[in-house]
């Protein structure tokens, strides 16, 4: 017979983790929406730390796409934070 181990994780920790993810998505979405070339530069720098060389094929198109998806990320992060506020979990 196998023995099972149960871990108890407080629900508040899960709420804070998801709220932190929402806050991070708002920050990264704002960076990508307001400063797409800086967001692309950040990605290139992070990849260079892992010894990967990346570069956009069409920089203008990449900046336009980054701005669009940054808006979506900003919107979803803002909606998740608004849902937390609406549900009664205050930061």
PDB file of N, CA and C in Angstrom:
ATOM      1  N   UNK A   1       0.849  -1.178   0.000  1.00  0.00           N
ATOM      2  CA  UNK A   1       0.000   0.000   0.000  1.00  0.00           C
ATOM      3  C   UNK A   1       0.894   1.242   0.000  1.00  0.00           C
ATOM      4  N   UNK A   2       0.571   2.199  -0.815  1.00  0.00           N
ATOM      5  CA  UNK A   2       1.378   3.421  -0.900  1.00  0.00           C
ATOM      6  C   UNK A   2       0.812   4.488   0.021  1.00  0.00           C
ATOM      7  N   UNK A   3       1.716   5.275   0.498  1.00  0.00           N
ATOM      8  CA  UNK A   3       1.328   6.348   1.408  1.00  0.00           C
ATOM      9  C   UNK A   3       1.236   7.655   0.618  1.00  0.00           C
ATOM     10  N   UNK A   4       0.205   8.420   0.861  1.00  0.00           N
ATOM     11  CA  UNK A   4       0.056   9.708   0.177  1.00  0.00           C
ATOM     12  C   UNK A   4       0.364  10.829   1.151  1.00  0.00           C
ATOM     13  N   UNK A   5       0.985  11.847   0.611  1.00  0.00           N
ATOM     14  CA  UNK A   5       1.319  13.029   1.401  1.00  0.00           C
ATOM     15  C   UNK A   5       0.470  14.181   0.890  1.00  0.00           C
ATOM     16  N   UNK A   6      -0.188  14.870   1.786  1.00  0.00           N
ATOM     17  CA  UNK A   6      -1.032  15.998   1.405  1.00  0.00           C
ATOM     18  C   UNK A   6      -0.390  17.292   1.883  1.00  0.00           C
ATOM     19  N   UNK A   7      -0.401  18.256   1.016  1.00  0.00           N
ATOM     20  CA  UNK A   7       0.094  19.581   1.347  1.00  0.00           C
ATOM     21  C   UNK A   7      -1.087  20.531   1.451  1.00  0.00           C
ATOM     22  N   UNK A   8      -1.041  21.368   2.438  1.00  0.00           N
ATOM     23  CA  UNK A   8      -2.094  22.364   2.586  1.00  0.00           C
ATOM     24  C   UNK A   8      -1.543  23.711   2.150  1.00  0.00           C
ATOM     25  N   UNK A   9      -2.146  24.271   1.138  1.00  0.00           N
ATOM     26  CA  UNK A   9      -1.762  25.587   0.645  1.00  0.00           C
ATOM     27  C   UNK A   9      -2.910  26.536   0.944  1.00  0.00           C
ATOM     28  N   UNK A  10      -2.646  27.594   1.699  1.00  0.00           N
ATOM     29  CA  UNK A  10      -3.726  28.545   1.983  1.00  0.00           C
ATOM     30  C   UNK A  10      -4.263  29.167   0.690  1.00  0.00           C
ATOM     31  N   UNK A  11      -5.554  29.304   0.638  1.00  0.00           N
ATOM     32  CA  UNK A  11      -6.204  29.853  -0.555  1.00  0.00           C
ATOM     33  C   UNK A  11      -5.728  31.271  -0.821  1.00  0.00           C
ATOM     34  N   UNK A  12      -5.440  32.009   0.238  1.00  0.00           N
ATOM     35  CA  UNK A  12      -4.971  33.381   0.059  1.00  0.00           C
ATOM     36  C   UNK A  12      -3.658  33.425  -0.713  1.00  0.00           C
ATOM     37  N   UNK A  13      -2.780  32.435  -0.551  1.00  0.00           N
ATOM     38  CA  UNK A  13      -1.523  32.388  -1.306  1.00  0.00           C
ATOM     39  C   UNK A  13      -1.797  32.240  -2.798  1.00  0.00           C
ATOM     40  N   UNK A  14      -2.797  31.436  -3.132  1.00  0.00           N
ATOM     41  CA  UNK A  14      -3.151  31.246  -4.543  1.00  0.00           C
ATOM     42  C   UNK A  14      -3.700  32.548  -5.116  1.00  0.00           C
ATOM     43  N   UNK A  15      -4.544  33.234  -4.347  1.00  0.00           N
ATOM     44  CA  UNK A  15      -5.080  34.515  -4.803  1.00  0.00           C
ATOM     45  C   UNK A  15      -3.946  35.507  -5.036  1.00  0.00           C
ATOM     46  N   UNK A  16      -2.979  35.565  -4.123  1.00  0.00           N
ATOM     47  CA  UNK A  16      -1.859  36.498  -4.272  1.00  0.00           C
ATOM     48  C   UNK A  16      -0.989  36.133  -5.464  1.00  0.00           C
ATOM     49  N   UNK A  17      -0.802  34.839  -5.718  1.00  0.00           N
ATOM     50  CA  UNK A  17      -0.005  34.411  -6.873  1.00  0.00           C
ATOM     51  C   UNK A  17      -0.675  34.820  -8.183  1.00  0.00           C
ATOM     52  N   UNK A  18      -1.975  34.612  -8.253  1.00  0.00           N
ATOM     53  CA  UNK A  18      -2.699  34.981  -9.473  1.00  0.00           C
ATOM     54  C   UNK A  18      -2.755  36.508  -9.623  1.00  0.00           C
ATOM     55  N   UNK A  19      -2.900  37.218  -8.510  1.00  0.00           N
ATOM     56  CA  UNK A  19      -2.887  38.677  -8.562  1.00  0.00           C
ATOM     57  C   UNK A  19      -1.518  39.182  -8.987  1.00  0.00           C
ATOM     58  N   UNK A  20      -0.457  38.526  -8.531  1.00  0.00           N
ATOM     59  CA  UNK A  20       0.895  38.894  -8.964  1.00  0.00           C
ATOM     60  C   UNK A  20       1.092  38.666 -10.447  1.00  0.00           C
ATOM     61  N   UNK A  21       0.538  37.574 -10.959  1.00  0.00           N
ATOM     62  CA  UNK A  21       0.607  37.311 -12.395  1.00  0.00           C
ATOM     63  C   UNK A  21      -0.174  38.377 -13.171  1.00  0.00           C
ATOM     64  N   UNK A  22      -1.316  38.798 -12.637  1.00  0.00           N
ATOM     65  CA  UNK A  22      -2.088  39.862 -13.282  1.00  0.00           C
ATOM     66  C   UNK A  22      -1.331  41.179 -13.286  1.00  0.00           C
ATOM     67  N   UNK A  23      -0.671  41.492 -12.167  1.00  0.00           N
ATOM     68  CA  UNK A  23       0.117  42.719 -12.096  1.00  0.00           C
ATOM     69  C   UNK A  23       1.305  42.686 -13.037  1.00  0.00           C
ATOM     70  N   UNK A  24       1.973  41.530 -13.117  1.00  0.00           N
ATOM     71  CA  UNK A  24       3.104  41.392 -14.037  1.00  0.00           C
ATOM     72  C   UNK A  24       2.646  41.516 -15.487  1.00  0.00           C
ATOM     73  N   UNK A  25       1.480  40.972 -15.797  1.00  0.00           N
ATOM     74  CA  UNK A  25       0.984  41.076 -17.175  1.00  0.00           C
ATOM     75  C   UNK A  25       0.607  42.513 -17.508  1.00  0.00           C
ATOM     76  N   UNK A  26       0.111  43.261 -16.525  1.00  0.00           N
ATOM     77  CA  UNK A  26      -0.184  44.674 -16.770  1.00  0.00           C
ATOM     78  C   UNK A  26       1.120  45.436 -17.061  1.00  0.00           C
ATOM     79  N   UNK A  27       2.158  45.168 -16.270  1.00  0.00           N
ATOM     80  CA  UNK A  27       3.433  45.856 -16.483  1.00  0.00           C
ATOM     81  C   UNK A  27       4.069  45.495 -17.823  1.00  0.00           C
ATOM     82  N   UNK A  28       4.117  44.204 -18.150  1.00  0.00           N
ATOM     83  CA  UNK A  28       4.698  43.799 -19.427  1.00  0.00           C
ATOM     84  C   UNK A  28       3.829  44.244 -20.604  1.00  0.00           C
ATOM     85  N   UNK A  29       2.515  44.222 -20.419  1.00  0.00           N
ATOM     86  CA  UNK A  29       1.626  44.700 -21.479  1.00  0.00           C
ATOM     87  C   UNK A  29       1.801  46.185 -21.722  1.00  0.00           C
ATOM     88  N   UNK A  30       1.952  46.953 -20.640  1.00  0.00           N
ATOM     89  CA  UNK A  30       2.170  48.393 -20.787  1.00  0.00           C
ATOM     90  C   UNK A  30       3.506  48.666 -21.463  1.00  0.00           C
ATOM     91  N   UNK A  31       4.549  47.907 -21.091  1.00  0.00           N
ATOM     92  CA  UNK A  31       5.853  48.065 -21.734  1.00  0.00           C
ATOM     93  C   UNK A  31       5.753  47.766 -23.222  1.00  0.00           C
ATOM     94  N   UNK A  32       5.093  46.675 -23.562  1.00  0.00           N
ATOM     95  CA  UNK A  32       4.981  46.278 -24.967  1.00  0.00           C
ATOM     96  C   UNK A  32       4.099  47.231 -25.761  1.00  0.00           C
ATOM     97  N   UNK A  33       3.063  47.767 -25.134  1.00  0.00           N
ATOM     98  CA  UNK A  33       2.156  48.663 -25.849  1.00  0.00           C
ATOM     99  C   UNK A  33       2.761  50.059 -26.022  1.00  0.00           C
ATOM    100  N   UNK A  34       3.363  50.583 -24.961  1.00  0.00           N
ATOM    101  CA  UNK A  34       3.883  51.942 -25.022  1.00  0.00           C
ATOM    102  C   UNK A  34       5.274  52.035 -25.634  1.00  0.00           C
ATOM    103  N   UNK A  35       6.083  50.998 -25.480  1.00  0.00           N
ATOM    104  CA  UNK A  35       7.459  51.027 -25.956  1.00  0.00           C
ATOM    105  C   UNK A  35       7.799  49.680 -26.572  1.00  0.00           C
ATOM    106  N   UNK A  36       7.252  49.355 -27.764  1.00  0.00           N
ATOM    107  CA  UNK A  36       7.444  48.020 -28.337  1.00  0.00           C
ATOM    108  C   UNK A  36       8.892  47.694 -28.661  1.00  0.00           C
ATOM    109  N   UNK A  37       9.663  48.675 -29.090  1.00  0.00           N
ATOM    110  CA  UNK A  37      11.065  48.390 -29.409  1.00  0.00           C
ATOM    111  C   UNK A  37      11.865  48.063 -28.150  1.00  0.00           C
ATOM    112  N   UNK A  38      11.510  48.678 -27.040  1.00  0.00           N
ATOM    113  CA  UNK A  38      12.157  48.347 -25.774  1.00  0.00           C
ATOM    114  C   UNK A  38      11.799  46.943 -25.320  1.00  0.00           C
ATOM    115  N   UNK A  39      10.556  46.538 -25.549  1.00  0.00           N
ATOM    116  CA  UNK A  39      10.125  45.184 -25.209  1.00  0.00           C
ATOM    117  C   UNK A  39      10.852  44.157 -26.064  1.00  0.00           C
ATOM    118  N   UNK A  40      11.027  44.455 -27.332  1.00  0.00           N
ATOM    119  CA  UNK A  40      11.772  43.558 -28.225  1.00  0.00           C
ATOM    120  C   UNK A  40      13.230  43.493 -27.778  1.00  0.00           C
ATOM    121  N   UNK A  41      13.794  44.632 -27.407  1.00  0.00           N
ATOM    122  CA  UNK A  41      15.168  44.662 -26.910  1.00  0.00           C
ATOM    123  C   UNK A  41      15.339  43.865 -25.626  1.00  0.00           C
ATOM    124  N   UNK A  42      14.347  43.934 -24.748  1.00  0.00           N
ATOM    125  CA  UNK A  42      14.378  43.146 -23.516  1.00  0.00           C
ATOM    126  C   UNK A  42      14.370  41.655 -23.834  1.00  0.00           C
ATOM    127  N   UNK A  43      13.558  41.253 -24.789  1.00  0.00           N
ATOM    128  CA  UNK A  43      13.504  39.850 -25.183  1.00  0.00           C
ATOM    129  C   UNK A  43      14.833  39.391 -25.775  1.00  0.00           C
ATOM    130  N   UNK A  44      15.426  40.216 -26.627  1.00  0.00           N
ATOM    131  CA  UNK A  44      16.724  39.879 -27.223  1.00  0.00           C
ATOM    132  C   UNK A  44      17.787  39.747 -26.137  1.00  0.00           C
ATOM    133  N   UNK A  45      17.754  40.641 -25.140  1.00  0.00           N
ATOM    134  CA  UNK A  45      18.729  40.591 -24.055  1.00  0.00           C
ATOM    135  C   UNK A  45      18.554  39.328 -23.209  1.00  0.00           C
ATOM    136  N   UNK A  46      17.306  38.973 -22.880  1.00  0.00           N
ATOM    137  CA  UNK A  46      17.060  37.761 -22.087  1.00  0.00           C
ATOM    138  C   UNK A  46      17.530  36.531 -22.857  1.00  0.00           C
ATOM    139  N   UNK A  47      17.270  36.474 -24.145  1.00  0.00           N
ATOM    140  CA  UNK A  47      17.711  35.336 -24.941  1.00  0.00           C
ATOM    141  C   UNK A  47      19.232  35.280 -25.045  1.00  0.00           C
ATOM    142  N   UNK A  48      19.902  36.433 -25.061  1.00  0.00           N
ATOM    143  CA  UNK A  48      21.367  36.429 -25.126  1.00  0.00           C
ATOM    144  C   UNK A  48      21.975  35.895 -23.834  1.00  0.00           C
ATOM    145  N   UNK A  49      21.268  36.048 -22.707  1.00  0.00           N
ATOM    146  CA  UNK A  49      21.748  35.468 -21.447  1.00  0.00           C
ATOM    147  C   UNK A  49      21.761  33.944 -21.515  1.00  0.00           C
ATOM    148  N   UNK A  50      20.889  33.385 -22.336  1.00  0.00           N
ATOM    149  CA  UNK A  50      20.820  31.933 -22.494  1.00  0.00           C
ATOM    150  C   UNK A  50      21.598  31.472 -23.729  1.00  0.00           C
ATOM    151  N   UNK A  51      22.460  32.355 -24.240  1.00  0.00           N
ATOM    152  CA  UNK A  51      23.324  32.058 -25.383  1.00  0.00           C
ATOM    153  C   UNK A  51      22.526  31.785 -26.667  1.00  0.00           C
ATOM    154  N   UNK A  52      21.448  32.519 -26.848  1.00  0.00           N
ATOM    155  CA  UNK A  52      20.654  32.441 -28.062  1.00  0.00           C
ATOM    156  C   UNK A  52      20.711  33.803 -28.745  1.00  0.00           C
ATOM    157  N   UNK A  53      20.859  33.794 -30.041  1.00  0.00           N
ATOM    158  CA  UNK A  53      20.853  35.032 -30.804  1.00  0.00           C
ATOM    159  C   UNK A  53      19.547  35.092 -31.587  1.00  0.00           C
ATOM    160  N   UNK A  54      18.751  36.115 -31.322  1.00  0.00           N
ATOM    161  CA  UNK A  54      17.487  36.300 -32.023  1.00  0.00           C
ATOM    162  C   UNK A  54      17.463  37.708 -32.605  1.00  0.00           C
ATOM    163  N   UNK A  55      16.779  37.839 -33.715  1.00  0.00           N
ATOM    164  CA  UNK A  55      16.582  39.163 -34.313  1.00  0.00           C
ATOM    165  C   UNK A  55      15.331  39.109 -35.178  1.00  0.00           C
ATOM    166  N   UNK A  56      14.571  40.202 -35.179  1.00  0.00           N
ATOM    167  CA  UNK A  56      13.356  40.211 -36.010  1.00  0.00           C
ATOM    168  C   UNK A  56      13.712  40.271 -37.492  1.00  0.00           C
ATOM    169  N   UNK A  57      12.897  39.609 -38.284  1.00  0.00           N
ATOM    170  CA  UNK A  57      13.093  39.628 -39.731  1.00  0.00           C
ATOM    171  C   UNK A  57      12.665  40.981 -40.288  1.00  0.00           C
ATOM    172  N   UNK A  58      11.479  41.436 -39.907  1.00  0.00           N
ATOM    173  CA  UNK A  58      10.947  42.729 -40.341  1.00  0.00           C
ATOM    174  C   UNK A  58      10.667  43.544 -39.076  1.00  0.00           C
ATOM    175  N   UNK A  59      11.535  44.495 -38.756  1.00  0.00           N
ATOM    176  CA  UNK A  59      11.434  45.229 -37.491  1.00  0.00           C
ATOM    177  C   UNK A  59      10.156  46.047 -37.387  1.00  0.00           C
ATOM    178  N   UNK A  60       9.736  46.648 -38.467  1.00  0.00           N
ATOM    179  CA  UNK A  60       8.512  47.456 -38.436  1.00  0.00           C
ATOM    180  C   UNK A  60       7.292  46.595 -38.122  1.00  0.00           C
ATOM    181  N   UNK A  61       7.205  45.451 -38.790  1.00  0.00           N
ATOM    182  CA  UNK A  61       6.084  44.540 -38.554  1.00  0.00           C
ATOM    183  C   UNK A  61       6.143  43.956 -37.137  1.00  0.00           C
ATOM    184  N   UNK A  62       7.351  43.652 -36.660  1.00  0.00           N
ATOM    185  CA  UNK A  62       7.514  43.109 -35.314  1.00  0.00           C
ATOM    186  C   UNK A  62       7.066  44.118 -34.254  1.00  0.00           C
ATOM    187  N   UNK A  63       7.417  45.388 -34.445  1.00  0.00           N
ATOM    188  CA  UNK A  63       7.014  46.421 -33.489  1.00  0.00           C
ATOM    189  C   UNK A  63       5.490  46.593 -33.489  1.00  0.00           C
ATOM    190  N   UNK A  64       4.895  46.529 -34.666  1.00  0.00           N
ATOM    191  CA  UNK A  64       3.443  46.658 -34.774  1.00  0.00           C
ATOM    192  C   UNK A  64       2.728  45.493 -34.086  1.00  0.00           C
ATOM    193  N   UNK A  65       3.221  44.274 -34.295  1.00  0.00           N
ATOM    194  CA  UNK A  65       2.635  43.098 -33.667  1.00  0.00           C
ATOM    195  C   UNK A  65       2.844  43.123 -32.157  1.00  0.00           C
ATOM    196  N   UNK A  66       4.034  43.549 -31.720  1.00  0.00           N
ATOM    197  CA  UNK A  66       4.317  43.630 -30.288  1.00  0.00           C
ATOM    198  C   UNK A  66       3.390  44.628 -29.619  1.00  0.00           C
ATOM    199  N   UNK A  67       3.144  45.754 -30.274  1.00  0.00           N
ATOM    200  CA  UNK A  67       2.231  46.752 -29.720  1.00  0.00           C
ATOM    201  C   UNK A  67       0.808  46.195 -29.604  1.00  0.00           C
ATOM    202  N   UNK A  68       0.361  45.476 -30.623  1.00  0.00           N
ATOM    203  CA  UNK A  68      -0.990  44.916 -30.596  1.00  0.00           C
ATOM    204  C   UNK A  68      -1.142  43.887 -29.485  1.00  0.00           C
ATOM    205  N   UNK A  69      -0.201  42.952 -29.384  1.00  0.00           N
ATOM    206  CA  UNK A  69      -0.298  41.930 -28.346  1.00  0.00           C
ATOM    207  C   UNK A  69      -0.026  42.509 -26.957  1.00  0.00           C
ATOM    208  N   UNK A  70       0.747  43.588 -26.876  1.00  0.00           N
ATOM    209  CA  UNK A  70       0.914  44.282 -25.602  1.00  0.00           C
ATOM    210  C   UNK A  70      -0.402  44.866 -25.122  1.00  0.00           C
ATOM    211  N   UNK A  71      -1.195  45.391 -26.050  1.00  0.00           N
ATOM    212  CA  UNK A  71      -2.522  45.904 -25.698  1.00  0.00           C
ATOM    213  C   UNK A  71      -3.410  44.792 -25.163  1.00  0.00           C
ATOM    214  N   UNK A  72      -3.388  43.627 -25.835  1.00  0.00           N
ATOM    215  CA  UNK A  72      -4.194  42.497 -25.373  1.00  0.00           C
ATOM    216  C   UNK A  72      -3.750  42.036 -23.988  1.00  0.00           C
ATOM    217  N   UNK A  73      -2.438  41.991 -23.767  1.00  0.00           N
ATOM    218  CA  UNK A  73      -1.922  41.574 -22.471  1.00  0.00           C
ATOM    219  C   UNK A  73      -2.288  42.579 -21.391  1.00  0.00           C
ATOM    220  N   UNK A  74      -2.205  43.847 -21.712  1.00  0.00           N
ATOM    221  CA  UNK A  74      -2.606  44.894 -20.781  1.00  0.00           C
ATOM    222  C   UNK A  74      -4.088  44.791 -20.443  1.00  0.00           C
ATOM    223  N   UNK A  75      -4.897  44.542 -21.436  1.00  0.00           N
ATOM    224  CA  UNK A  75      -6.337  44.400 -21.233  1.00  0.00           C
ATOM    225  C   UNK A  75      -6.667  43.188 -20.353  1.00  0.00           C
ATOM    226  N   UNK A  76      -6.081  42.043 -20.653  1.00  0.00           N
ATOM    227  CA  UNK A  76      -6.366  40.839 -19.865  1.00  0.00           C
ATOM    228  C   UNK A  76      -5.850  40.963 -18.440  1.00  0.00           C
ATOM    229  N   UNK A  77      -4.662  41.551 -18.260  1.00  0.00           N
ATOM    230  CA  UNK A  77      -4.149  41.752 -16.911  1.00  0.00           C
ATOM    231  C   UNK A  77      -5.008  42.715 -16.123  1.00  0.00           C
ATOM    232  N   UNK A  78      -5.452  43.786 -16.771  1.00  0.00           N
ATOM    233  CA  UNK A  78      -6.338  44.739 -16.105  1.00  0.00           C
ATOM    234  C   UNK A  78      -7.671  44.119 -15.736  1.00  0.00           C
ATOM    235  N   UNK A  79      -8.198  43.287 -16.626  1.00  0.00           N
ATOM    236  CA  UNK A  79      -9.461  42.609 -16.315  1.00  0.00           C
ATOM    237  C   UNK A  79      -9.304  41.630 -15.155  1.00  0.00           C
ATOM    238  N   UNK A  80      -8.181  40.928 -15.107  1.00  0.00           N
ATOM    239  CA  UNK A  80      -7.982  39.992 -13.992  1.00  0.00           C
ATOM    240  C   UNK A  80      -7.840  40.744 -12.676  1.00  0.00           C
ATOM    241  N   UNK A  81      -7.134  41.864 -12.663  1.00  0.00           N
ATOM    242  CA  UNK A  81      -7.022  42.646 -11.438  1.00  0.00           C
ATOM    243  C   UNK A  81      -8.358  43.254 -11.039  1.00  0.00           C
ATOM    244  N   UNK A  82      -9.141  43.686 -12.023  1.00  0.00           N
ATOM    245  CA  UNK A  82     -10.475  44.216 -11.729  1.00  0.00           C
ATOM    246  C   UNK A  82     -11.373  43.120 -11.155  1.00  0.00           C
ATOM    247  N   UNK A  83     -11.231  41.903 -11.654  1.00  0.00           N
ATOM    248  CA  UNK A  83     -12.012  40.788 -11.116  1.00  0.00           C
ATOM    249  C   UNK A  83     -11.638  40.514  -9.667  1.00  0.00           C
ATOM    250  N   UNK A  84     -10.360  40.568  -9.339  1.00  0.00           N
ATOM    251  CA  UNK A  84      -9.947  40.380  -7.944  1.00  0.00           C
ATOM    252  C   UNK A  84     -10.526  41.467  -7.059  1.00  0.00           C
ATOM    253  N   UNK A  85     -10.494  42.686  -7.531  1.00  0.00           N
ATOM    254  CA  UNK A  85     -11.040  43.786  -6.747  1.00  0.00           C
ATOM    255  C   UNK A  85     -12.552  43.623  -6.579  1.00  0.00           C
ATOM    256  N   UNK A  86     -13.222  43.218  -7.657  1.00  0.00           N
ATOM    257  CA  UNK A  86     -14.655  43.037  -7.625  1.00  0.00           C
ATOM    258  C   UNK A  86     -15.064  41.892  -6.686  1.00  0.00           C
ATOM    259  N   UNK A  87     -14.255  40.829  -6.658  1.00  0.00           N
ATOM    260  CA  UNK A  87     -14.564  39.666  -5.834  1.00  0.00           C
ATOM    261  C   UNK A  87     -14.281  39.917  -4.361  1.00  0.00           C
ATOM    262  N   UNK A  88     -13.622  41.030  -4.020  1.00  0.00           N
ATOM    263  CA  UNK A  88     -13.427  41.358  -2.624  1.00  0.00           C
ATOM    264  C   UNK A  88     -12.055  41.058  -2.066  1.00  0.00           C
ATOM    265  N   UNK A  89     -11.105  40.701  -2.919  1.00  0.00           N
ATOM    266  CA  UNK A  89      -9.743  40.481  -2.452  1.00  0.00           C
ATOM    267  C   UNK A  89      -8.985  41.778  -2.698  1.00  0.00           C
ATOM    268  N   UNK A  90      -8.647  42.451  -1.617  1.00  0.00           N
ATOM    269  CA  UNK A  90      -7.982  43.750  -1.732  1.00  0.00           C
ATOM    270  C   UNK A  90      -6.493  43.574  -1.547  1.00  0.00           C
ATOM    271  N   UNK A  91      -5.742  44.328  -2.295  1.00  0.00           N
ATOM    272  CA  UNK A  91      -4.280  44.203  -2.263  1.00  0.00           C
ATOM    273  C   UNK A  91      -3.714  45.063  -1.168  1.00  0.00           C
TER     274      UNK A  91
END
